């Protein structure tokens, strides 16, 4: 049986979603932050050229 289907909040991190890339993304990689009533969207650009978007509600 597989492990728990949850992740502790302190274990969450932003990583690149590019093919064969899992670099950690931080404030230096943050290119765009947009806040709306629905939450915050962040776009990160990795050194590999991929863009990863996160959504926080």
PDB file of N, CA and C in Angstrom:
ATOM      1  N   UNK A   1       0.837  -1.180   0.000  1.00  0.00           N
ATOM      2  CA  UNK A   1       0.000   0.000   0.000  1.00  0.00           C
ATOM      3  C   UNK A   1       0.881   1.242   0.000  1.00  0.00           C
ATOM      4  N   UNK A   2       0.498   2.239  -0.761  1.00  0.00           N
ATOM      5  CA  UNK A   2       1.278   3.479  -0.870  1.00  0.00           C
ATOM      6  C   UNK A   2       1.205   4.271   0.425  1.00  0.00           C
ATOM      7  N   UNK A   3       2.123   5.227   0.559  1.00  0.00           N
ATOM      8  CA  UNK A   3       2.158   6.092   1.733  1.00  0.00           C
ATOM      9  C   UNK A   3       0.984   7.054   1.758  1.00  0.00           C
ATOM     10  N   UNK A   4       0.950   7.904   2.779  1.00  0.00           N
ATOM     11  CA  UNK A   4      -0.160   8.853   2.922  1.00  0.00           C
ATOM     12  C   UNK A   4      -0.276   9.771   1.709  1.00  0.00           C
ATOM     13  N   UNK A   5      -1.509  10.135   1.378  1.00  0.00           N
ATOM     14  CA  UNK A   5      -1.762  11.001   0.219  1.00  0.00           C
ATOM     15  C   UNK A   5      -1.836  12.458   0.643  1.00  0.00           C
ATOM     16  N   UNK A   6      -0.994  12.868   1.537  1.00  0.00           N
ATOM     17  CA  UNK A   6      -0.948  14.257   1.975  1.00  0.00           C
ATOM     18  C   UNK A   6       0.504  14.665   2.169  1.00  0.00           C
ATOM     19  N   UNK A   7       0.724  15.957   2.192  1.00  0.00           N
ATOM     20  CA  UNK A   7       2.066  16.496   2.391  1.00  0.00           C
ATOM     21  C   UNK A   7       1.983  17.527   3.504  1.00  0.00           C
ATOM     22  N   UNK A   8       2.914  17.480   4.402  1.00  0.00           N
ATOM     23  CA  UNK A   8       2.947  18.476   5.473  1.00  0.00           C
ATOM     24  C   UNK A   8       3.284  19.832   4.861  1.00  0.00           C
ATOM     25  N   UNK A   9       2.652  20.885   5.348  1.00  0.00           N
ATOM     26  CA  UNK A   9       2.859  22.217   4.775  1.00  0.00           C
ATOM     27  C   UNK A   9       4.318  22.645   4.792  1.00  0.00           C
ATOM     28  N   UNK A  10       5.057  22.283   5.818  1.00  0.00           N
ATOM     29  CA  UNK A  10       6.458  22.698   5.865  1.00  0.00           C
ATOM     30  C   UNK A  10       7.302  21.965   4.823  1.00  0.00           C
ATOM     31  N   UNK A  11       6.771  20.905   4.209  1.00  0.00           N
ATOM     32  CA  UNK A  11       7.487  20.160   3.178  1.00  0.00           C
ATOM     33  C   UNK A  11       7.207  20.678   1.769  1.00  0.00           C
ATOM     34  N   UNK A  12       6.245  21.595   1.626  1.00  0.00           N
ATOM     35  CA  UNK A  12       5.910  22.118   0.302  1.00  0.00           C
ATOM     36  C   UNK A  12       7.019  23.022  -0.215  1.00  0.00           C
ATOM     37  N   UNK A  13       7.314  22.908  -1.490  1.00  0.00           N
ATOM     38  CA  UNK A  13       8.293  23.788  -2.116  1.00  0.00           C
ATOM     39  C   UNK A  13       7.928  23.937  -3.577  1.00  0.00           C
ATOM     40  N   UNK A  14       8.355  25.013  -4.162  1.00  0.00           N
ATOM     41  CA  UNK A  14       8.076  25.275  -5.569  1.00  0.00           C
ATOM     42  C   UNK A  14       9.248  24.737  -6.384  1.00  0.00           C
ATOM     43  N   UNK A  15       8.939  23.846  -7.323  1.00  0.00           N
ATOM     44  CA  UNK A  15       9.976  23.282  -8.187  1.00  0.00           C
ATOM     45  C   UNK A  15       9.574  23.457  -9.643  1.00  0.00           C
ATOM     46  N   UNK A  16      10.555  23.465 -10.511  1.00  0.00           N
ATOM     47  CA  UNK A  16      10.321  23.616 -11.944  1.00  0.00           C
ATOM     48  C   UNK A  16       9.481  22.457 -12.469  1.00  0.00           C
ATOM     49  N   UNK A  17       8.548  22.794 -13.348  1.00  0.00           N
ATOM     50  CA  UNK A  17       7.673  21.791 -13.946  1.00  0.00           C
ATOM     51  C   UNK A  17       8.137  21.418 -15.354  1.00  0.00           C
ATOM     52  N   UNK A  18       9.333  21.874 -15.724  1.00  0.00           N
ATOM     53  CA  UNK A  18       9.861  21.577 -17.054  1.00  0.00           C
ATOM     54  C   UNK A  18      10.259  20.115 -17.197  1.00  0.00           C
ATOM     55  N   UNK A  19      10.324  19.676 -18.444  1.00  0.00           N
ATOM     56  CA  UNK A  19      10.687  18.286 -18.735  1.00  0.00           C
ATOM     57  C   UNK A  19      12.091  17.987 -18.206  1.00  0.00           C
ATOM     58  N   UNK A  20      12.212  16.927 -17.412  1.00  0.00           N
ATOM     59  CA  UNK A  20      13.484  16.477 -16.834  1.00  0.00           C
ATOM     60  C   UNK A  20      14.161  17.539 -15.977  1.00  0.00           C
ATOM     61  N   UNK A  21      13.386  18.410 -15.358  1.00  0.00           N
ATOM     62  CA  UNK A  21      13.952  19.450 -14.495  1.00  0.00           C
ATOM     63  C   UNK A  21      13.118  19.532 -13.225  1.00  0.00           C
ATOM     64  N   UNK A  22      13.763  19.530 -12.100  1.00  0.00           N
ATOM     65  CA  UNK A  22      13.061  19.683 -10.825  1.00  0.00           C
ATOM     66  C   UNK A  22      13.818  20.665  -9.935  1.00  0.00           C
ATOM     67  N   UNK A  23      14.388  21.714 -10.556  1.00  0.00           N
ATOM     68  CA  UNK A  23      15.108  22.717  -9.772  1.00  0.00           C
ATOM     69  C   UNK A  23      14.157  23.415  -8.813  1.00  0.00           C
ATOM     70  N   UNK A  24      14.649  23.736  -7.634  1.00  0.00           N
ATOM     71  CA  UNK A  24      13.863  24.524  -6.684  1.00  0.00           C
ATOM     72  C   UNK A  24      13.763  25.949  -7.213  1.00  0.00           C
ATOM     73  N   UNK A  25      12.573  26.532  -7.118  1.00  0.00           N
ATOM     74  CA  UNK A  25      12.341  27.900  -7.576  1.00  0.00           C
ATOM     75  C   UNK A  25      12.084  28.788  -6.368  1.00  0.00           C
ATOM     76  N   UNK A  26      12.703  29.966  -6.370  1.00  0.00           N
ATOM     77  CA  UNK A  26      12.552  30.890  -5.249  1.00  0.00           C
ATOM     78  C   UNK A  26      12.252  32.296  -5.713  1.00  0.00           C
ATOM     79  N   UNK A  27      12.391  33.238  -4.796  1.00  0.00           N
ATOM     80  CA  UNK A  27      12.080  34.645  -5.079  1.00  0.00           C
ATOM     81  C   UNK A  27      12.885  35.193  -6.256  1.00  0.00           C
ATOM     82  N   UNK A  28      14.115  34.738  -6.444  1.00  0.00           N
ATOM     83  CA  UNK A  28      14.935  35.222  -7.566  1.00  0.00           C
ATOM     84  C   UNK A  28      14.387  34.772  -8.916  1.00  0.00           C
ATOM     85  N   UNK A  29      13.591  33.699  -8.924  1.00  0.00           N
ATOM     86  CA  UNK A  29      13.011  33.176 -10.161  1.00  0.00           C
ATOM     87  C   UNK A  29      11.603  33.713 -10.412  1.00  0.00           C
ATOM     88  N   UNK A  30      11.039  34.417  -9.434  1.00  0.00           N
ATOM     89  CA  UNK A  30       9.676  34.940  -9.539  1.00  0.00           C
ATOM     90  C   UNK A  30       9.630  36.079 -10.549  1.00  0.00           C
ATOM     91  N   UNK A  31       8.815  35.924 -11.590  1.00  0.00           N
ATOM     92  CA  UNK A  31       8.719  36.925 -12.648  1.00  0.00           C
ATOM     93  C   UNK A  31       7.422  37.717 -12.589  1.00  0.00           C
ATOM     94  N   UNK A  32       6.359  37.122 -12.036  1.00  0.00           N
ATOM     95  CA  UNK A  32       5.061  37.787 -12.034  1.00  0.00           C
ATOM     96  C   UNK A  32       4.237  37.300 -10.855  1.00  0.00           C
ATOM     97  N   UNK A  33       3.617  38.239 -10.149  1.00  0.00           N
ATOM     98  CA  UNK A  33       2.709  37.912  -9.047  1.00  0.00           C
ATOM     99  C   UNK A  33       1.413  38.668  -9.284  1.00  0.00           C
ATOM    100  N   UNK A  34       0.290  37.962  -9.272  1.00  0.00           N
ATOM    101  CA  UNK A  34      -1.008  38.589  -9.504  1.00  0.00           C
ATOM    102  C   UNK A  34      -1.965  38.144  -8.401  1.00  0.00           C
ATOM    103  N   UNK A  35      -2.595  39.112  -7.745  1.00  0.00           N
ATOM    104  CA  UNK A  35      -3.548  38.811  -6.687  1.00  0.00           C
ATOM    105  C   UNK A  35      -4.944  39.230  -7.122  1.00  0.00           C
ATOM    106  N   UNK A  36      -5.893  38.307  -6.990  1.00  0.00           N
ATOM    107  CA  UNK A  36      -7.298  38.578  -7.301  1.00  0.00           C
ATOM    108  C   UNK A  36      -8.139  38.092  -6.126  1.00  0.00           C
ATOM    109  N   UNK A  37      -9.444  38.270  -6.218  1.00  0.00           N
ATOM    110  CA  UNK A  37     -10.337  37.763  -5.178  1.00  0.00           C
ATOM    111  C   UNK A  37     -10.262  36.238  -5.064  1.00  0.00           C
ATOM    112  N   UNK A  38      -9.859  35.574  -6.138  1.00  0.00           N
ATOM    113  CA  UNK A  38      -9.774  34.110  -6.163  1.00  0.00           C
ATOM    114  C   UNK A  38      -8.464  33.584  -5.581  1.00  0.00           C
ATOM    115  N   UNK A  39      -7.504  34.457  -5.298  1.00  0.00           N
ATOM    116  CA  UNK A  39      -6.229  34.024  -4.743  1.00  0.00           C
ATOM    117  C   UNK A  39      -5.051  34.660  -5.453  1.00  0.00           C
ATOM    118  N   UNK A  40      -3.874  34.097  -5.219  1.00  0.00           N
ATOM    119  CA  UNK A  40      -2.646  34.640  -5.798  1.00  0.00           C
ATOM    120  C   UNK A  40      -2.064  33.661  -6.807  1.00  0.00           C
ATOM    121  N   UNK A  41      -1.658  34.188  -7.948  1.00  0.00           N
ATOM    122  CA  UNK A  41      -0.970  33.407  -8.974  1.00  0.00           C
ATOM    123  C   UNK A  41       0.456  33.913  -9.064  1.00  0.00           C
ATOM    124  N   UNK A  42       1.395  32.992  -9.158  1.00  0.00           N
ATOM    125  CA  UNK A  42       2.803  33.354  -9.308  1.00  0.00           C
ATOM    126  C   UNK A  42       3.382  32.608 -10.501  1.00  0.00           C
ATOM    127  N   UNK A  43       4.159  33.315 -11.304  1.00  0.00           N
ATOM    128  CA  UNK A  43       4.838  32.705 -12.447  1.00  0.00           C
ATOM    129  C   UNK A  43       6.345  32.773 -12.192  1.00  0.00           C
ATOM    130  N   UNK A  44       6.983  31.618 -12.252  1.00  0.00           N
ATOM    131  CA  UNK A  44       8.419  31.504 -12.041  1.00  0.00           C
ATOM    132  C   UNK A  44       9.070  31.074 -13.346  1.00  0.00           C
ATOM    133  N   UNK A  45      10.229  31.667 -13.675  1.00  0.00           N
ATOM    134  CA  UNK A  45      10.979  31.251 -14.859  1.00  0.00           C
ATOM    135  C   UNK A  45      12.258  30.565 -14.403  1.00  0.00           C
ATOM    136  N   UNK A  46      12.422  29.329 -14.825  1.00  0.00           N
ATOM    137  CA  UNK A  46      13.581  28.524 -14.444  1.00  0.00           C
ATOM    138  C   UNK A  46      14.747  28.787 -15.400  1.00  0.00           C
ATOM    139  N   UNK A  47      15.943  28.476 -14.960  1.00  0.00           N
ATOM    140  CA  UNK A  47      17.134  28.607 -15.805  1.00  0.00           C
ATOM    141  C   UNK A  47      17.039  27.723 -17.051  1.00  0.00           C
ATOM    142  N   UNK A  48      16.226  26.657 -16.996  1.00  0.00           N
ATOM    143  CA  UNK A  48      16.072  25.771 -18.159  1.00  0.00           C
ATOM    144  C   UNK A  48      15.142  26.377 -19.209  1.00  0.00           C
ATOM    145  N   UNK A  49      14.469  27.498 -18.873  1.00  0.00           N
ATOM    146  CA  UNK A  49      13.578  28.162 -19.816  1.00  0.00           C
ATOM    147  C   UNK A  49      12.102  27.893 -19.588  1.00  0.00           C
ATOM    148  N   UNK A  50      11.776  26.927 -18.752  1.00  0.00           N
ATOM    149  CA  UNK A  50      10.372  26.602 -18.477  1.00  0.00           C
ATOM    150  C   UNK A  50       9.763  27.628 -17.529  1.00  0.00           C
ATOM    151  N   UNK A  51       8.459  27.816 -17.654  1.00  0.00           N
ATOM    152  CA  UNK A  51       7.712  28.699 -16.760  1.00  0.00           C
ATOM    153  C   UNK A  51       6.764  27.828 -15.941  1.00  0.00           C
ATOM    154  N   UNK A  52       6.790  28.013 -14.630  1.00  0.00           N
ATOM    155  CA  UNK A  52       5.924  27.273 -13.717  1.00  0.00           C
ATOM    156  C   UNK A  52       4.991  28.258 -13.046  1.00  0.00           C
ATOM    157  N   UNK A  53       3.697  27.953 -13.037  1.00  0.00           N
ATOM    158  CA  UNK A  53       2.696  28.824 -12.421  1.00  0.00           C
ATOM    159  C   UNK A  53       2.126  28.127 -11.195  1.00  0.00           C
ATOM    160  N   UNK A  54       2.047  28.859 -10.090  1.00  0.00           N
ATOM    161  CA  UNK A  54       1.439  28.335  -8.872  1.00  0.00           C
ATOM    162  C   UNK A  54       0.196  29.140  -8.543  1.00  0.00           C
ATOM    163  N   UNK A  55      -0.737  28.514  -7.836  1.00  0.00           N
ATOM    164  CA  UNK A  55      -1.979  29.164  -7.418  1.00  0.00           C
ATOM    165  C   UNK A  55      -2.155  28.925  -5.928  1.00  0.00           C
ATOM    166  N   UNK A  56      -2.408  30.002  -5.189  1.00  0.00           N
ATOM    167  CA  UNK A  56      -2.667  29.910  -3.753  1.00  0.00           C
ATOM    168  C   UNK A  56      -4.015  30.541  -3.491  1.00  0.00           C
ATOM    169  N   UNK A  57      -4.880  29.830  -2.801  1.00  0.00           N
ATOM    170  CA  UNK A  57      -6.213  30.364  -2.486  1.00  0.00           C
ATOM    171  C   UNK A  57      -6.321  30.686  -1.039  1.00  0.00           C
TER     172      UNK A  57
END
